């Protein structure tokens, strides 16, 4: 569906070399791009459970299982997408649209809990 004002431009992922500068840039666009979506990545399920068993749990128990996995692992990546009310992404005066991805460097696969397949 075409939305008035929606522009299709190639999307580029910005990864911060300087976190302060990147947050300053993000702060400068918030007035024009007030719709925010974010995504988080964790290093897999620390306490895996077969899908058929998970489906048999109550919603509260599924939530507790998910929360337990999140609480025992480190956040390794967060992504942000900003848009205006028409779905336009910031272009920062370039021919591209931008989204942001931040990777955290304090994860150590030798000592931090994780699921090996998720790191592969």
N, C-alpha and C. Protein backbone atom coordinates (compact mmCIF):
# COMPACT_ATOMS: atom_id res chain seq x y z
N UNK A 1 0.84 -1.18 0.00
CA UNK A 1 0.00 0.00 0.00
C UNK A 1 0.88 1.23 0.00
N UNK A 2 0.57 2.19 -0.82
CA UNK A 2 1.32 3.44 -0.89
C UNK A 2 0.74 4.41 0.11
N UNK A 3 1.60 5.03 0.87
CA UNK A 3 1.17 6.00 1.87
C UNK A 3 1.71 7.36 1.47
N UNK A 4 0.87 8.36 1.50
CA UNK A 4 1.30 9.70 1.11
C UNK A 4 2.50 10.12 1.95
N UNK A 5 3.55 10.54 1.28
CA UNK A 5 4.74 10.99 1.97
C UNK A 5 5.78 9.90 2.15
N UNK A 6 5.43 8.65 1.90
CA UNK A 6 6.38 7.55 2.09
C UNK A 6 7.37 7.53 0.94
N UNK A 7 8.66 7.58 1.27
CA UNK A 7 9.72 7.55 0.27
C UNK A 7 10.51 6.27 0.43
N UNK A 8 10.72 5.54 -0.66
CA UNK A 8 11.56 4.36 -0.60
C UNK A 8 12.98 4.73 -0.97
N UNK A 9 13.88 4.57 -0.04
CA UNK A 9 15.30 4.80 -0.27
C UNK A 9 16.03 3.57 0.26
N UNK A 10 17.19 3.27 -0.28
CA UNK A 10 17.97 2.16 0.27
C UNK A 10 18.27 2.42 1.75
N UNK A 11 18.19 1.37 2.55
CA UNK A 11 18.39 1.51 4.00
C UNK A 11 19.82 1.13 4.36
N UNK A 12 20.43 1.95 5.15
CA UNK A 12 21.77 1.71 5.68
C UNK A 12 21.69 1.57 7.19
N UNK A 13 22.47 0.65 7.74
CA UNK A 13 22.53 0.46 9.20
C UNK A 13 23.70 1.27 9.73
N UNK A 14 23.43 2.12 10.69
CA UNK A 14 24.48 2.89 11.34
C UNK A 14 24.93 2.14 12.59
N UNK A 15 26.22 1.94 12.70
CA UNK A 15 26.81 1.34 13.89
C UNK A 15 27.75 2.38 14.49
N UNK A 16 27.62 2.61 15.76
CA UNK A 16 28.31 3.73 16.40
C UNK A 16 29.80 3.49 16.58
N UNK A 17 30.60 4.43 16.08
CA UNK A 17 32.01 4.48 16.44
C UNK A 17 32.16 5.33 17.70
N UNK A 18 31.32 6.36 17.80
CA UNK A 18 31.32 7.24 18.96
C UNK A 18 29.89 7.32 19.47
N UNK A 19 29.63 6.66 20.58
CA UNK A 19 28.27 6.55 21.11
C UNK A 19 27.68 7.92 21.45
N UNK A 20 28.47 8.83 22.02
CA UNK A 20 27.97 10.16 22.36
C UNK A 20 27.51 10.90 21.11
N UNK A 21 28.32 10.85 20.04
CA UNK A 21 27.95 11.52 18.80
C UNK A 21 26.68 10.91 18.19
N UNK A 22 26.58 9.60 18.25
CA UNK A 22 25.42 8.92 17.66
C UNK A 22 24.15 9.26 18.44
N UNK A 23 24.24 9.27 19.77
CA UNK A 23 23.07 9.64 20.58
C UNK A 23 22.69 11.10 20.37
N UNK A 24 23.67 11.95 20.16
CA UNK A 24 23.39 13.36 19.86
C UNK A 24 22.65 13.47 18.53
N UNK A 25 23.09 12.72 17.54
CA UNK A 25 22.42 12.70 16.23
C UNK A 25 20.99 12.20 16.38
N UNK A 26 20.81 11.13 17.12
CA UNK A 26 19.46 10.59 17.35
C UNK A 26 18.59 11.63 18.05
N UNK A 27 19.14 12.31 19.05
CA UNK A 27 18.38 13.35 19.74
C UNK A 27 17.94 14.46 18.81
N UNK A 28 18.76 14.76 17.81
CA UNK A 28 18.43 15.85 16.89
C UNK A 28 17.31 15.50 15.91
N UNK A 29 17.04 14.22 15.70
CA UNK A 29 16.01 13.82 14.73
C UNK A 29 14.68 13.46 15.39
N UNK A 30 14.66 13.32 16.71
CA UNK A 30 13.44 12.83 17.38
C UNK A 30 12.22 13.71 17.14
N UNK A 31 12.42 15.02 17.00
CA UNK A 31 11.28 15.90 16.74
C UNK A 31 10.60 15.63 15.41
N UNK A 32 11.36 15.17 14.44
CA UNK A 32 10.81 14.89 13.10
C UNK A 32 10.45 13.41 12.92
N UNK A 33 11.04 12.54 13.73
CA UNK A 33 10.82 11.09 13.63
C UNK A 33 10.45 10.53 15.00
N UNK A 34 9.22 10.82 15.45
CA UNK A 34 8.83 10.47 16.83
C UNK A 34 8.39 9.02 17.03
N UNK A 35 8.22 8.26 15.95
CA UNK A 35 7.79 6.86 16.08
C UNK A 35 9.05 6.01 16.20
N UNK A 36 9.13 5.23 17.28
CA UNK A 36 10.34 4.48 17.57
C UNK A 36 10.01 3.00 17.73
N UNK A 37 10.78 2.16 17.07
CA UNK A 37 10.72 0.71 17.27
C UNK A 37 12.10 0.26 17.68
N UNK A 38 12.16 -0.73 18.55
CA UNK A 38 13.47 -1.24 18.93
C UNK A 38 13.45 -2.75 19.02
N UNK A 39 14.64 -3.31 18.87
CA UNK A 39 14.81 -4.76 18.87
C UNK A 39 16.01 -5.08 19.75
N UNK A 40 15.92 -6.14 20.51
CA UNK A 40 17.04 -6.56 21.35
C UNK A 40 17.47 -7.97 20.97
N UNK A 41 18.74 -8.24 21.16
CA UNK A 41 19.27 -9.57 20.89
C UNK A 41 20.01 -10.07 22.13
N UNK A 42 19.72 -11.30 22.48
CA UNK A 42 20.38 -11.98 23.60
C UNK A 42 21.06 -13.23 23.05
N UNK A 43 22.03 -13.78 23.76
CA UNK A 43 22.78 -14.94 23.23
C UNK A 43 22.05 -16.28 23.38
N UNK A 44 20.83 -16.33 22.92
CA UNK A 44 20.10 -17.60 22.89
C UNK A 44 19.40 -17.96 24.19
N UNK A 45 18.77 -19.12 24.19
CA UNK A 45 18.08 -19.63 25.37
C UNK A 45 19.07 -20.38 26.25
N UNK A 46 19.23 -19.89 27.46
CA UNK A 46 20.10 -20.53 28.43
C UNK A 46 19.43 -21.80 28.97
N UNK A 47 18.12 -21.73 29.11
CA UNK A 47 17.32 -22.85 29.60
C UNK A 47 16.36 -23.27 28.50
N UNK A 48 16.84 -24.05 27.52
CA UNK A 48 15.97 -24.41 26.39
C UNK A 48 14.84 -25.34 26.83
N UNK A 49 13.79 -25.32 26.03
CA UNK A 49 12.65 -26.21 26.27
C UNK A 49 12.08 -26.58 24.91
N UNK A 50 11.69 -27.82 24.77
CA UNK A 50 11.09 -28.26 23.51
C UNK A 50 9.82 -27.46 23.25
N UNK A 51 9.58 -27.17 21.97
CA UNK A 51 8.45 -26.34 21.59
C UNK A 51 7.13 -26.92 22.09
N UNK A 52 6.95 -28.23 21.96
CA UNK A 52 5.67 -28.82 22.39
C UNK A 52 5.47 -28.68 23.89
N UNK A 53 6.55 -28.73 24.66
CA UNK A 53 6.42 -28.52 26.12
C UNK A 53 6.12 -27.06 26.43
N UNK A 54 6.77 -26.16 25.71
CA UNK A 54 6.54 -24.73 25.92
C UNK A 54 5.09 -24.37 25.63
N UNK A 55 4.53 -24.96 24.57
CA UNK A 55 3.14 -24.68 24.20
C UNK A 55 2.14 -25.15 25.25
N UNK A 56 2.53 -26.13 26.04
CA UNK A 56 1.64 -26.65 27.07
C UNK A 56 1.62 -25.79 28.33
N UNK A 57 2.56 -24.87 28.45
CA UNK A 57 2.62 -24.01 29.63
C UNK A 57 1.55 -22.92 29.55
N UNK A 58 1.15 -22.46 30.70
CA UNK A 58 0.22 -21.32 30.75
C UNK A 58 0.97 -20.07 30.27
N UNK A 59 0.25 -19.04 29.86
CA UNK A 59 0.93 -17.80 29.45
C UNK A 59 1.87 -17.26 30.54
N UNK A 60 1.47 -17.35 31.80
CA UNK A 60 2.33 -16.87 32.89
C UNK A 60 3.61 -17.68 32.99
N UNK A 61 3.50 -18.99 32.84
CA UNK A 61 4.69 -19.84 32.92
C UNK A 61 5.60 -19.66 31.70
N UNK A 62 5.00 -19.42 30.52
CA UNK A 62 5.83 -19.10 29.34
C UNK A 62 6.59 -17.81 29.56
N UNK A 63 5.90 -16.80 30.13
CA UNK A 63 6.56 -15.54 30.43
C UNK A 63 7.70 -15.75 31.44
N UNK A 64 7.44 -16.51 32.49
CA UNK A 64 8.47 -16.79 33.49
C UNK A 64 9.68 -17.48 32.87
N UNK A 65 9.44 -18.41 31.96
CA UNK A 65 10.52 -19.11 31.28
C UNK A 65 11.35 -18.14 30.44
N UNK A 66 10.68 -17.30 29.69
CA UNK A 66 11.38 -16.30 28.89
C UNK A 66 12.15 -15.33 29.77
N UNK A 67 11.52 -14.86 30.83
CA UNK A 67 12.16 -13.90 31.75
C UNK A 67 13.39 -14.52 32.40
N UNK A 68 13.30 -15.76 32.77
CA UNK A 68 14.45 -16.45 33.38
C UNK A 68 15.63 -16.49 32.39
N UNK A 69 15.36 -16.78 31.13
CA UNK A 69 16.42 -16.79 30.11
C UNK A 69 17.02 -15.40 29.92
N UNK A 70 16.19 -14.38 29.88
CA UNK A 70 16.69 -13.01 29.70
C UNK A 70 17.49 -12.57 30.92
N UNK A 71 16.97 -12.85 32.11
CA UNK A 71 17.66 -12.43 33.34
C UNK A 71 19.03 -13.07 33.49
N UNK A 72 19.22 -14.26 32.95
CA UNK A 72 20.50 -14.97 33.10
C UNK A 72 21.49 -14.71 31.97
N UNK A 73 21.11 -13.89 31.00
CA UNK A 73 22.01 -13.63 29.88
C UNK A 73 22.23 -12.13 29.71
N UNK A 74 23.26 -11.81 28.94
CA UNK A 74 23.58 -10.40 28.69
C UNK A 74 22.98 -9.94 27.38
N UNK A 75 22.58 -8.70 27.36
CA UNK A 75 22.14 -8.06 26.14
C UNK A 75 23.36 -7.90 25.24
N UNK A 76 23.28 -8.39 24.00
CA UNK A 76 24.45 -8.28 23.12
C UNK A 76 24.24 -7.29 21.97
N UNK A 77 22.99 -6.92 21.68
CA UNK A 77 22.75 -5.98 20.60
C UNK A 77 21.39 -5.32 20.79
N UNK A 78 21.30 -4.05 20.42
CA UNK A 78 20.02 -3.35 20.41
C UNK A 78 19.94 -2.55 19.11
N UNK A 79 18.77 -2.54 18.52
CA UNK A 79 18.56 -1.80 17.28
C UNK A 79 17.40 -0.83 17.44
N UNK A 80 17.50 0.31 16.77
CA UNK A 80 16.46 1.33 16.81
C UNK A 80 16.08 1.73 15.40
N UNK A 81 14.79 1.88 15.17
CA UNK A 81 14.27 2.43 13.93
C UNK A 81 13.38 3.60 14.30
N UNK A 82 13.62 4.74 13.66
CA UNK A 82 12.84 5.94 13.88
C UNK A 82 12.10 6.27 12.60
N UNK A 83 10.86 6.72 12.72
CA UNK A 83 10.12 7.12 11.53
C UNK A 83 9.19 8.28 11.87
N UNK A 84 8.73 8.95 10.80
CA UNK A 84 7.69 9.96 10.99
C UNK A 84 6.34 9.24 10.96
N UNK A 85 5.25 9.99 11.04
CA UNK A 85 3.93 9.35 11.10
C UNK A 85 3.54 8.68 9.78
N UNK A 86 4.30 8.95 8.71
CA UNK A 86 4.01 8.34 7.41
C UNK A 86 4.90 7.13 7.13
N UNK A 87 5.80 6.82 8.05
CA UNK A 87 6.69 5.68 7.85
C UNK A 87 8.02 6.02 7.22
N UNK A 88 8.26 7.31 6.97
CA UNK A 88 9.55 7.71 6.40
C UNK A 88 10.65 7.59 7.45
N UNK A 89 11.76 7.02 7.06
CA UNK A 89 12.93 6.91 7.92
C UNK A 89 13.82 8.13 7.72
N UNK A 90 14.64 8.46 8.72
CA UNK A 90 15.54 9.60 8.55
C UNK A 90 16.56 9.35 7.45
N UNK A 91 16.81 10.39 6.65
CA UNK A 91 17.80 10.25 5.58
C UNK A 91 19.07 11.05 5.85
N UNK A 92 19.05 11.87 6.87
CA UNK A 92 20.22 12.66 7.28
C UNK A 92 20.81 13.45 6.11
N UNK A 93 19.92 13.88 5.18
CA UNK A 93 20.35 14.67 4.04
C UNK A 93 21.10 13.88 2.98
N UNK A 94 20.94 12.58 2.96
CA UNK A 94 21.63 11.72 1.99
C UNK A 94 20.59 10.98 1.14
N UNK A 95 21.01 10.23 0.12
CA UNK A 95 20.05 9.44 -0.66
C UNK A 95 19.65 8.12 0.00
N UNK A 96 20.04 7.91 1.25
CA UNK A 96 19.74 6.67 1.97
C UNK A 96 18.86 6.95 3.18
N UNK A 97 18.17 5.91 3.65
CA UNK A 97 17.45 5.96 4.92
C UNK A 97 18.30 5.22 5.94
N UNK A 98 18.14 5.58 7.22
CA UNK A 98 19.01 5.00 8.24
C UNK A 98 18.24 4.38 9.40
N UNK A 99 18.80 3.28 9.88
CA UNK A 99 18.40 2.65 11.13
C UNK A 99 19.68 2.47 11.95
N UNK A 100 19.54 2.21 13.24
CA UNK A 100 20.71 2.11 14.11
C UNK A 100 20.81 0.73 14.74
N UNK A 101 22.06 0.30 14.92
CA UNK A 101 22.37 -0.96 15.58
C UNK A 101 23.57 -0.74 16.49
N UNK A 102 23.43 -1.15 17.74
CA UNK A 102 24.52 -1.02 18.71
C UNK A 102 24.87 -2.40 19.23
N UNK A 103 26.13 -2.76 19.11
CA UNK A 103 26.62 -4.03 19.61
C UNK A 103 27.39 -3.79 20.91
N UNK A 104 27.17 -4.65 21.88
CA UNK A 104 27.84 -4.52 23.17
C UNK A 104 29.06 -5.43 23.20
N UNK A 105 30.15 -4.92 23.72
CA UNK A 105 31.42 -5.65 23.64
C UNK A 105 31.81 -6.37 24.93
N UNK A 106 30.95 -6.35 25.94
CA UNK A 106 31.34 -6.98 27.19
C UNK A 106 30.90 -8.44 27.30
N UNK A 107 30.41 -9.01 26.21
CA UNK A 107 30.01 -10.42 26.20
C UNK A 107 31.23 -11.28 25.94
N UNK A 108 31.42 -12.29 26.78
CA UNK A 108 32.55 -13.21 26.62
C UNK A 108 32.01 -14.63 26.50
N UNK A 109 32.07 -15.23 25.32
CA UNK A 109 31.52 -16.58 25.15
C UNK A 109 32.21 -17.64 26.00
N UNK A 110 33.41 -17.33 26.50
CA UNK A 110 34.10 -18.30 27.35
C UNK A 110 33.57 -18.31 28.78
N UNK A 111 32.93 -17.20 29.20
CA UNK A 111 32.49 -17.15 30.59
C UNK A 111 31.01 -16.76 30.77
N UNK A 112 30.39 -16.15 29.77
CA UNK A 112 28.99 -15.73 29.91
C UNK A 112 28.05 -16.81 29.42
N UNK A 113 26.92 -17.00 30.12
CA UNK A 113 25.94 -18.02 29.68
C UNK A 113 25.42 -17.70 28.28
N UNK A 114 25.30 -18.73 27.46
CA UNK A 114 24.77 -18.56 26.11
C UNK A 114 24.42 -19.92 25.53
N UNK A 115 23.72 -19.87 24.43
CA UNK A 115 23.41 -21.07 23.66
C UNK A 115 24.37 -21.11 22.48
N UNK A 116 25.26 -22.09 22.40
CA UNK A 116 26.25 -22.14 21.30
C UNK A 116 25.64 -22.01 19.90
N UNK A 117 24.50 -22.65 19.60
CA UNK A 117 23.95 -22.47 18.25
C UNK A 117 23.59 -21.01 17.93
N UNK A 118 23.21 -20.26 18.97
CA UNK A 118 22.82 -18.87 18.70
C UNK A 118 24.01 -18.00 18.32
N UNK A 119 25.20 -18.36 18.77
CA UNK A 119 26.38 -17.58 18.41
C UNK A 119 26.93 -17.98 17.04
N UNK A 120 26.62 -19.21 16.63
CA UNK A 120 27.08 -19.66 15.32
C UNK A 120 26.38 -18.86 14.24
